[in-house]
């Protein structure tokens, strides 16, 4: 999660919402990294999680990422939660909830829904204070 926080800080420095994500293989190796970049890339799908999943898939040469854990500073949105399920990620660890758009706990429970063919194990609240403070400071400075 500390690596995800470092990526979130990079996003903030670039003027993007401070969200970072890493994909970790079962052996503990980081195989994907991402930071929010929709503004710079002119791409509404350039969320930290999506970019980290893309890098992991390319590195592992597989569109499925079984056995991996994704660490992200903010609860994934519905798009990102769906991507985690589609990639067959084993576990999601996130810092703080997204009360407005959260697709894993706050608004929806997509990642571990019994309606889907794959369920992601979810752990929340890891380094939550640091994750939340980074987001709050960023948006306070924007206003």
N, C-alpha and C. Protein backbone atom coordinates (compact mmCIF):
# COMPACT_ATOMS: atom_id res chain seq x y z
N UNK A 1 0.83 -1.20 0.00
CA UNK A 1 0.00 0.00 0.00
C UNK A 1 0.87 1.26 0.00
N UNK A 2 2.04 1.14 0.58
CA UNK A 2 2.93 2.31 0.58
C UNK A 2 3.35 2.68 -0.85
N UNK A 3 3.56 1.69 -1.70
CA UNK A 3 3.88 1.96 -3.10
C UNK A 3 2.69 2.62 -3.80
N UNK A 4 1.49 2.16 -3.51
CA UNK A 4 0.28 2.78 -4.07
C UNK A 4 0.16 4.24 -3.61
N UNK A 5 0.48 4.50 -2.36
CA UNK A 5 0.45 5.88 -1.85
C UNK A 5 1.48 6.75 -2.56
N UNK A 6 2.66 6.21 -2.83
CA UNK A 6 3.67 6.98 -3.56
C UNK A 6 3.16 7.33 -4.96
N UNK A 7 2.50 6.39 -5.60
CA UNK A 7 1.92 6.65 -6.93
C UNK A 7 0.80 7.68 -6.84
N UNK A 8 0.02 7.63 -5.78
CA UNK A 8 -1.05 8.61 -5.58
C UNK A 8 -0.46 10.02 -5.42
N UNK A 9 0.64 10.12 -4.72
CA UNK A 9 1.30 11.43 -4.57
C UNK A 9 1.79 11.94 -5.92
N UNK A 10 2.32 11.04 -6.76
CA UNK A 10 2.74 11.43 -8.11
C UNK A 10 1.55 11.96 -8.91
N UNK A 11 0.41 11.30 -8.77
CA UNK A 11 -0.80 11.75 -9.48
C UNK A 11 -1.17 13.16 -9.03
N UNK A 12 -1.14 13.39 -7.73
CA UNK A 12 -1.48 14.71 -7.20
C UNK A 12 -0.54 15.78 -7.74
N UNK A 13 0.75 15.48 -7.78
CA UNK A 13 1.73 16.43 -8.31
C UNK A 13 1.46 16.76 -9.77
N UNK A 14 0.86 15.81 -10.49
CA UNK A 14 0.53 16.02 -11.90
C UNK A 14 -0.84 16.66 -12.09
N UNK A 15 -1.52 16.97 -10.98
CA UNK A 15 -2.83 17.60 -11.06
C UNK A 15 -3.99 16.63 -11.20
N UNK A 16 -3.71 15.35 -11.04
CA UNK A 16 -4.74 14.31 -11.13
C UNK A 16 -5.21 13.95 -9.72
N UNK A 17 -6.41 13.38 -9.61
CA UNK A 17 -6.88 12.90 -8.31
C UNK A 17 -5.85 11.92 -7.76
N UNK A 18 -5.47 12.07 -6.50
CA UNK A 18 -4.39 11.27 -5.93
C UNK A 18 -4.80 9.84 -5.59
N UNK A 19 -4.77 9.01 -6.60
CA UNK A 19 -5.11 7.59 -6.43
C UNK A 19 -4.01 6.78 -7.09
N UNK A 20 -3.50 5.80 -6.36
CA UNK A 20 -2.46 4.92 -6.88
C UNK A 20 -2.83 3.48 -6.66
N UNK A 21 -2.31 2.61 -7.53
CA UNK A 21 -2.62 1.18 -7.43
C UNK A 21 -1.40 0.36 -7.85
N UNK A 22 -1.25 -0.79 -7.22
CA UNK A 22 -0.24 -1.76 -7.63
C UNK A 22 -0.86 -3.14 -7.68
N UNK A 23 -0.35 -3.96 -8.59
CA UNK A 23 -0.75 -5.37 -8.68
C UNK A 23 0.46 -6.18 -8.23
N UNK A 24 0.22 -7.07 -7.27
CA UNK A 24 1.29 -7.88 -6.71
C UNK A 24 1.01 -9.35 -7.02
N UNK A 25 2.02 -10.03 -7.60
CA UNK A 25 1.91 -11.46 -7.90
C UNK A 25 1.99 -12.26 -6.61
N UNK A 26 1.65 -13.54 -6.69
CA UNK A 26 1.62 -14.39 -5.50
C UNK A 26 2.99 -14.53 -4.83
N UNK A 27 4.08 -14.26 -5.58
CA UNK A 27 5.42 -14.34 -4.98
C UNK A 27 5.85 -13.02 -4.34
N UNK A 28 4.96 -12.00 -4.34
CA UNK A 28 5.25 -10.72 -3.72
C UNK A 28 5.86 -9.69 -4.64
N UNK A 29 6.06 -10.03 -5.90
CA UNK A 29 6.62 -9.11 -6.88
C UNK A 29 5.55 -8.16 -7.40
N UNK A 30 5.87 -6.88 -7.47
CA UNK A 30 4.95 -5.91 -8.09
C UNK A 30 5.04 -6.10 -9.60
N UNK A 31 3.90 -6.41 -10.22
CA UNK A 31 3.88 -6.66 -11.67
C UNK A 31 3.11 -5.58 -12.43
N UNK A 32 2.46 -4.67 -11.70
CA UNK A 32 1.75 -3.59 -12.35
C UNK A 32 1.63 -2.40 -11.44
N UNK A 33 1.77 -1.21 -12.02
CA UNK A 33 1.65 0.04 -11.27
C UNK A 33 0.76 0.99 -12.07
N UNK A 34 0.00 1.81 -11.35
CA UNK A 34 -0.81 2.81 -12.04
C UNK A 34 -1.14 3.96 -11.12
N UNK A 35 -1.28 5.12 -11.71
CA UNK A 35 -1.76 6.29 -10.97
C UNK A 35 -2.81 6.96 -11.83
N UNK A 36 -3.75 7.59 -11.20
CA UNK A 36 -4.81 8.24 -11.96
C UNK A 36 -4.21 9.15 -13.02
N UNK A 37 -4.70 9.04 -14.25
CA UNK A 37 -4.19 9.84 -15.37
C UNK A 37 -5.24 10.17 -16.43
N UNK A 38 -6.52 10.25 -16.09
CA UNK A 38 -7.49 10.52 -17.15
C UNK A 38 -7.33 11.89 -17.81
N UNK A 39 -6.88 12.89 -17.07
CA UNK A 39 -6.72 14.23 -17.64
C UNK A 39 -5.55 14.23 -18.62
N UNK A 40 -4.40 13.75 -18.18
CA UNK A 40 -3.20 13.76 -19.03
C UNK A 40 -3.38 12.89 -20.27
N UNK A 41 -4.10 11.79 -20.14
CA UNK A 41 -4.26 10.86 -21.26
C UNK A 41 -5.52 11.12 -22.09
N UNK A 42 -6.33 12.07 -21.64
CA UNK A 42 -7.62 12.31 -22.30
C UNK A 42 -8.39 11.00 -22.43
N UNK A 43 -8.42 10.26 -21.34
CA UNK A 43 -8.99 8.92 -21.34
C UNK A 43 -9.78 8.70 -20.06
N UNK A 44 -11.10 8.62 -20.15
CA UNK A 44 -11.90 8.43 -18.94
C UNK A 44 -11.67 7.10 -18.25
N UNK A 45 -11.02 6.16 -18.92
CA UNK A 45 -10.75 4.86 -18.30
C UNK A 45 -9.36 4.79 -17.66
N UNK A 46 -8.61 5.86 -17.69
CA UNK A 46 -7.23 5.84 -17.18
C UNK A 46 -7.18 5.99 -15.66
N UNK A 47 -7.95 5.14 -14.99
CA UNK A 47 -7.90 5.09 -13.53
C UNK A 47 -6.68 4.28 -13.11
N UNK A 48 -6.23 4.50 -11.89
CA UNK A 48 -5.03 3.84 -11.38
C UNK A 48 -5.14 2.32 -11.51
N UNK A 49 -6.28 1.77 -11.14
CA UNK A 49 -6.46 0.32 -11.17
C UNK A 49 -6.37 -0.23 -12.59
N UNK A 50 -7.01 0.44 -13.53
CA UNK A 50 -7.02 -0.01 -14.92
C UNK A 50 -5.60 -0.01 -15.47
N UNK A 51 -4.87 1.06 -15.22
CA UNK A 51 -3.50 1.15 -15.72
C UNK A 51 -2.60 0.08 -15.09
N UNK A 52 -2.79 -0.17 -13.80
CA UNK A 52 -2.01 -1.22 -13.13
C UNK A 52 -2.36 -2.60 -13.68
N UNK A 53 -3.64 -2.85 -13.93
CA UNK A 53 -4.05 -4.14 -14.50
C UNK A 53 -3.49 -4.32 -15.91
N UNK A 54 -3.51 -3.26 -16.70
CA UNK A 54 -2.97 -3.35 -18.07
C UNK A 54 -1.48 -3.70 -18.04
N UNK A 55 -0.74 -3.03 -17.16
CA UNK A 55 0.70 -3.31 -17.07
C UNK A 55 0.95 -4.74 -16.58
N UNK A 56 0.17 -5.18 -15.60
CA UNK A 56 0.33 -6.54 -15.08
C UNK A 56 0.02 -7.58 -16.16
N UNK A 57 -1.05 -7.36 -16.90
CA UNK A 57 -1.41 -8.29 -17.97
C UNK A 57 -0.32 -8.38 -19.02
N UNK A 58 0.24 -7.23 -19.40
CA UNK A 58 1.31 -7.22 -20.39
C UNK A 58 2.56 -7.92 -19.85
N UNK A 59 2.87 -7.64 -18.61
CA UNK A 59 4.08 -8.24 -18.02
C UNK A 59 3.94 -9.75 -17.85
N UNK A 60 2.76 -10.18 -17.42
CA UNK A 60 2.53 -11.61 -17.19
C UNK A 60 2.08 -12.33 -18.46
N UNK A 61 1.83 -11.57 -19.51
CA UNK A 61 1.38 -12.10 -20.80
C UNK A 61 0.11 -12.93 -20.64
N UNK A 62 -0.84 -12.33 -19.90
CA UNK A 62 -2.11 -13.00 -19.66
C UNK A 62 -3.16 -11.94 -19.32
N UNK A 63 -4.32 -12.06 -19.90
CA UNK A 63 -5.40 -11.13 -19.57
C UNK A 63 -6.07 -11.50 -18.26
N UNK A 64 -5.79 -12.67 -17.76
CA UNK A 64 -6.28 -13.09 -16.45
C UNK A 64 -5.12 -13.02 -15.47
N UNK A 65 -5.42 -12.58 -14.27
CA UNK A 65 -4.38 -12.37 -13.26
C UNK A 65 -4.67 -13.16 -11.99
N UNK A 66 -4.83 -14.48 -12.11
CA UNK A 66 -5.16 -15.28 -10.93
C UNK A 66 -4.01 -15.24 -9.91
N UNK A 67 -4.37 -15.26 -8.65
CA UNK A 67 -3.36 -15.27 -7.59
C UNK A 67 -2.81 -13.91 -7.25
N UNK A 68 -3.24 -12.87 -7.96
CA UNK A 68 -2.71 -11.53 -7.69
C UNK A 68 -3.53 -10.80 -6.64
N UNK A 69 -2.87 -9.80 -6.05
CA UNK A 69 -3.52 -8.89 -5.11
C UNK A 69 -3.35 -7.48 -5.66
N UNK A 70 -4.43 -6.72 -5.66
CA UNK A 70 -4.38 -5.32 -6.07
C UNK A 70 -4.49 -4.46 -4.82
N UNK A 71 -3.55 -3.54 -4.67
CA UNK A 71 -3.57 -2.56 -3.59
C UNK A 71 -3.90 -1.22 -4.21
N UNK A 72 -4.91 -0.54 -3.69
CA UNK A 72 -5.30 0.76 -4.22
C UNK A 72 -5.69 1.68 -3.06
N UNK A 73 -5.38 2.95 -3.20
CA UNK A 73 -5.58 3.89 -2.10
C UNK A 73 -7.05 4.23 -1.86
N UNK A 74 -7.88 4.15 -2.88
CA UNK A 74 -9.29 4.49 -2.76
C UNK A 74 -10.14 3.34 -3.28
N UNK A 75 -11.25 3.10 -2.64
CA UNK A 75 -12.19 2.06 -3.08
C UNK A 75 -12.46 2.20 -4.58
N UNK A 76 -12.32 1.12 -5.33
CA UNK A 76 -12.55 1.19 -6.78
C UNK A 76 -13.99 1.56 -7.15
N UNK A 77 -14.10 2.25 -8.28
CA UNK A 77 -15.42 2.57 -8.85
C UNK A 77 -15.99 1.30 -9.49
N UNK A 78 -17.18 1.39 -10.02
CA UNK A 78 -17.83 0.25 -10.65
C UNK A 78 -17.02 -0.27 -11.84
N UNK A 79 -16.49 0.64 -12.66
CA UNK A 79 -15.68 0.21 -13.81
C UNK A 79 -14.48 -0.60 -13.35
N UNK A 80 -13.77 -0.09 -12.38
CA UNK A 80 -12.56 -0.76 -11.90
C UNK A 80 -12.88 -2.05 -11.16
N UNK A 81 -13.97 -2.06 -10.40
CA UNK A 81 -14.37 -3.29 -9.71
C UNK A 81 -14.71 -4.36 -10.73
N UNK A 82 -15.38 -3.99 -11.80
CA UNK A 82 -15.69 -4.95 -12.87
C UNK A 82 -14.44 -5.47 -13.53
N UNK A 83 -13.45 -4.61 -13.72
CA UNK A 83 -12.19 -5.05 -14.32
C UNK A 83 -11.45 -6.03 -13.41
N UNK A 84 -11.52 -5.82 -12.10
CA UNK A 84 -10.89 -6.75 -11.16
C UNK A 84 -11.53 -8.13 -11.26
N UNK A 85 -12.85 -8.16 -11.39
CA UNK A 85 -13.55 -9.43 -11.53
C UNK A 85 -13.18 -10.08 -12.87
N UNK A 86 -13.21 -9.30 -13.95
CA UNK A 86 -12.90 -9.84 -15.27
C UNK A 86 -11.47 -10.40 -15.34
N UNK A 87 -10.55 -9.77 -14.61
CA UNK A 87 -9.15 -10.21 -14.60
C UNK A 87 -8.92 -11.38 -13.65
N UNK A 88 -9.94 -11.74 -12.90
CA UNK A 88 -9.84 -12.85 -11.93
C UNK A 88 -8.80 -12.59 -10.85
N UNK A 89 -8.71 -11.32 -10.43
CA UNK A 89 -7.83 -10.95 -9.33
C UNK A 89 -8.29 -11.70 -8.08
N UNK A 90 -7.35 -12.22 -7.31
CA UNK A 90 -7.69 -12.99 -6.12
C UNK A 90 -8.15 -12.08 -4.97
N UNK A 91 -7.41 -10.98 -4.76
CA UNK A 91 -7.66 -10.17 -3.58
C UNK A 91 -7.51 -8.69 -3.90
N UNK A 92 -8.37 -7.88 -3.30
CA UNK A 92 -8.30 -6.42 -3.38
C UNK A 92 -8.08 -5.89 -1.98
N UNK A 93 -7.11 -4.98 -1.86
CA UNK A 93 -6.87 -4.29 -0.60
C UNK A 93 -6.97 -2.80 -0.91
N UNK A 94 -7.88 -2.10 -0.23
CA UNK A 94 -7.96 -0.67 -0.48
C UNK A 94 -7.89 0.13 0.82
N UNK A 95 -7.50 1.38 0.68
CA UNK A 95 -7.28 2.24 1.82
C UNK A 95 -8.55 2.79 2.42
N UNK A 96 -9.22 3.65 1.67
CA UNK A 96 -10.40 4.33 2.20
C UNK A 96 -11.58 4.18 1.25
N UNK A 97 -12.76 4.26 1.81
CA UNK A 97 -13.97 4.15 0.99
C UNK A 97 -14.20 5.39 0.15
N UNK A 98 -14.87 5.19 -0.98
CA UNK A 98 -15.31 6.29 -1.83
C UNK A 98 -16.82 6.37 -1.68
N UNK A 99 -17.26 7.25 -0.81
CA UNK A 99 -18.68 7.31 -0.47
C UNK A 99 -19.55 7.78 -1.62
N UNK A 100 -18.98 8.42 -2.62
CA UNK A 100 -19.76 8.91 -3.76
C UNK A 100 -19.84 7.90 -4.90
N UNK A 101 -18.75 7.20 -5.18
CA UNK A 101 -18.69 6.35 -6.37
C UNK A 101 -18.22 4.93 -6.12
N UNK A 102 -18.03 4.54 -4.89
CA UNK A 102 -17.46 3.23 -4.57
C UNK A 102 -18.26 2.07 -5.10
N UNK A 103 -17.58 1.19 -5.83
CA UNK A 103 -18.24 0.04 -6.44
C UNK A 103 -18.00 -1.27 -5.71
N UNK A 104 -17.31 -1.21 -4.57
CA UNK A 104 -16.95 -2.43 -3.85
C UNK A 104 -17.66 -2.54 -2.51
N UNK A 105 -17.86 -1.41 -1.83
CA UNK A 105 -18.54 -1.42 -0.53
C UNK A 105 -19.54 -0.27 -0.37
N UNK A 106 -19.17 0.93 -0.80
CA UNK A 106 -19.97 2.11 -0.47
C UNK A 106 -21.29 2.21 -1.21
N UNK A 107 -21.29 2.04 -2.51
CA UNK A 107 -22.51 2.15 -3.32
C UNK A 107 -22.97 0.79 -3.84
N UNK A 108 -22.01 -0.05 -4.22
CA UNK A 108 -22.30 -1.37 -4.77
C UNK A 108 -21.36 -2.37 -4.13
N UNK A 109 -21.62 -3.65 -4.33
CA UNK A 109 -20.73 -4.72 -3.86
C UNK A 109 -20.38 -5.61 -5.04
N UNK A 110 -19.78 -4.98 -6.04
CA UNK A 110 -19.53 -5.67 -7.29
C UNK A 110 -18.43 -6.72 -7.21
N UNK A 111 -17.35 -6.43 -6.51
CA UNK A 111 -16.17 -7.31 -6.55
C UNK A 111 -16.42 -8.69 -5.98
N UNK A 112 -17.31 -8.80 -5.02
CA UNK A 112 -17.58 -10.11 -4.41
C UNK A 112 -19.06 -10.48 -4.48
N UNK A 113 -19.72 -10.00 -5.51
CA UNK A 113 -21.14 -10.28 -5.71
C UNK A 113 -21.37 -11.75 -6.03
N UNK A 114 -22.35 -12.33 -5.40
CA UNK A 114 -22.71 -13.72 -5.67
C UNK A 114 -23.34 -13.89 -7.06
N UNK A 115 -23.69 -12.79 -7.69
CA UNK A 115 -24.29 -12.85 -9.03
C UNK A 115 -23.26 -13.08 -10.13
N UNK A 116 -21.99 -12.88 -9.82
CA UNK A 116 -20.94 -12.98 -10.83
C UNK A 116 -20.19 -14.31 -10.72
N UNK A 117 -19.47 -14.63 -11.78
CA UNK A 117 -18.77 -15.92 -11.84
C UNK A 117 -17.45 -15.94 -11.09
N UNK A 118 -16.97 -14.80 -10.65
CA UNK A 118 -15.73 -14.73 -9.87
C UNK A 118 -15.93 -13.73 -8.74
N UNK A 119 -15.42 -14.05 -7.58
CA UNK A 119 -15.50 -13.15 -6.44
C UNK A 119 -14.10 -12.82 -5.96
N UNK A 120 -13.87 -11.54 -5.77
CA UNK A 120 -12.59 -11.04 -5.28
C UNK A 120 -12.67 -10.93 -3.76
N UNK A 121 -11.67 -11.43 -3.07
CA UNK A 121 -11.58 -11.26 -1.62
C UNK A 121 -11.26 -9.79 -1.36
N UNK A 122 -11.98 -9.15 -0.44
CA UNK A 122 -11.83 -7.71 -0.21
C UNK A 122 -11.36 -7.44 1.22
N UNK A 123 -10.33 -6.61 1.32
CA UNK A 123 -9.84 -6.10 2.60
C UNK A 123 -9.82 -4.59 2.50
N UNK A 124 -10.42 -3.92 3.46
CA UNK A 124 -10.44 -2.45 3.40
C UNK A 124 -9.82 -1.85 4.65
N UNK A 125 -9.45 -0.58 4.54
CA UNK A 125 -8.96 0.17 5.69
C UNK A 125 -7.46 0.13 5.91
N UNK A 126 -6.69 -0.40 4.96
CA UNK A 126 -5.24 -0.46 5.12
C UNK A 126 -4.64 0.92 4.83
N UNK A 127 -3.96 1.47 5.81
CA UNK A 127 -3.41 2.83 5.74
C UNK A 127 -4.50 3.85 5.37
N UNK A 128 -5.68 3.62 5.90
CA UNK A 128 -6.85 4.45 5.56
C UNK A 128 -6.63 5.92 5.89
N UNK A 129 -6.04 6.21 7.02
CA UNK A 129 -5.85 7.61 7.42
C UNK A 129 -4.96 8.34 6.42
N UNK A 130 -3.83 7.73 6.04
CA UNK A 130 -2.94 8.36 5.08
C UNK A 130 -3.62 8.55 3.72
N UNK A 131 -4.36 7.54 3.29
CA UNK A 131 -5.06 7.62 2.01
C UNK A 131 -6.10 8.74 2.02
N UNK A 132 -6.87 8.80 3.08
CA UNK A 132 -7.92 9.82 3.19
C UNK A 132 -7.33 11.22 3.31
N UNK A 133 -6.29 11.37 4.11
CA UNK A 133 -5.67 12.69 4.26
C UNK A 133 -5.11 13.21 2.95
N UNK A 134 -4.51 12.33 2.15
CA UNK A 134 -3.99 12.73 0.86
C UNK A 134 -5.11 13.24 -0.06
N UNK A 135 -6.21 12.51 -0.10
CA UNK A 135 -7.36 12.93 -0.91
C UNK A 135 -7.94 14.25 -0.40
N UNK A 136 -8.13 14.36 0.89
CA UNK A 136 -8.72 15.57 1.46
C UNK A 136 -7.85 16.80 1.20
N UNK A 137 -6.55 16.66 1.38
CA UNK A 137 -5.64 17.78 1.14
C UNK A 137 -5.67 18.21 -0.33
N UNK A 138 -5.68 17.23 -1.23
CA UNK A 138 -5.71 17.53 -2.66
C UNK A 138 -6.96 18.34 -3.02
N UNK A 139 -8.11 17.87 -2.60
CA UNK A 139 -9.36 18.54 -2.97
C UNK A 139 -9.56 19.85 -2.19
N UNK A 140 -9.02 19.96 -1.00
CA UNK A 140 -9.07 21.22 -0.25
C UNK A 140 -8.25 22.27 -1.00
N UNK A 141 -7.09 21.89 -1.51
CA UNK A 141 -6.24 22.82 -2.26
C UNK A 141 -6.87 23.20 -3.60
N UNK A 142 -7.68 22.31 -4.18
CA UNK A 142 -8.35 22.61 -5.45
C UNK A 142 -9.44 23.65 -5.30
N UNK A 143 -10.03 23.71 -4.11
CA UNK A 143 -11.17 24.63 -3.89
C UNK A 143 -10.68 25.96 -3.50
